[in-house]
Protein backbone atom coordinates (compact mmCIF):
# COMPACT_ATOMS: atom_id res chain seq x y z
CA MET A 1 -99.19 -102.87 27.07
CA GLU A 2 -100.46 -105.91 24.82
CA ALA A 3 -99.32 -104.99 21.22
CA GLU A 4 -96.23 -104.03 23.00
CA GLU A 5 -95.27 -107.32 23.78
CA ASP A 6 -96.22 -108.23 20.39
CA LYS A 7 -93.96 -106.07 19.57
CA CYS A 8 -90.78 -107.90 21.50
CA MET A 9 -91.87 -110.58 20.30
CA LYS A 10 -91.86 -110.40 16.36
CA PHE A 11 -88.89 -108.62 16.82
CA GLU A 12 -87.03 -111.66 18.92
CA ASN A 13 -88.65 -114.59 16.69
CA GLY A 14 -86.18 -111.83 13.69
CA LEU A 15 -83.17 -112.39 15.56
CA ARG A 16 -80.37 -114.54 15.79
CA PRO A 17 -80.76 -117.80 17.88
CA ASP A 18 -78.11 -116.92 20.07
CA ILE A 19 -79.63 -113.08 20.96
CA LYS A 20 -82.78 -114.21 21.15
CA GLN A 21 -81.76 -117.18 23.93
CA LEU A 22 -79.42 -114.01 25.10
CA ILE A 23 -83.11 -111.66 25.79
CA GLY A 24 -85.12 -114.97 26.59
CA PHE A 25 -82.82 -115.05 29.23
CA SER A 26 -83.20 -111.44 30.65
CA GLU A 27 -87.19 -111.85 29.60
CA ILE A 28 -87.48 -108.26 28.26
CA ARG A 29 -90.77 -107.66 27.49
CA ASP A 30 -90.30 -103.94 27.05
CA PHE A 31 -89.46 -102.46 23.23
CA PRO A 32 -87.36 -99.19 23.89
CA THR A 33 -85.19 -101.65 26.77
CA LEU A 34 -85.23 -104.27 23.64
């Protein structure tokens, strides 16, 4: 499941800071949910 988290981190890093903050608060680590 580590690759999945990696994908999420890369995806989040590409987002605008305000959106990144929203996702950070909900701690989504499941890529399809993202």
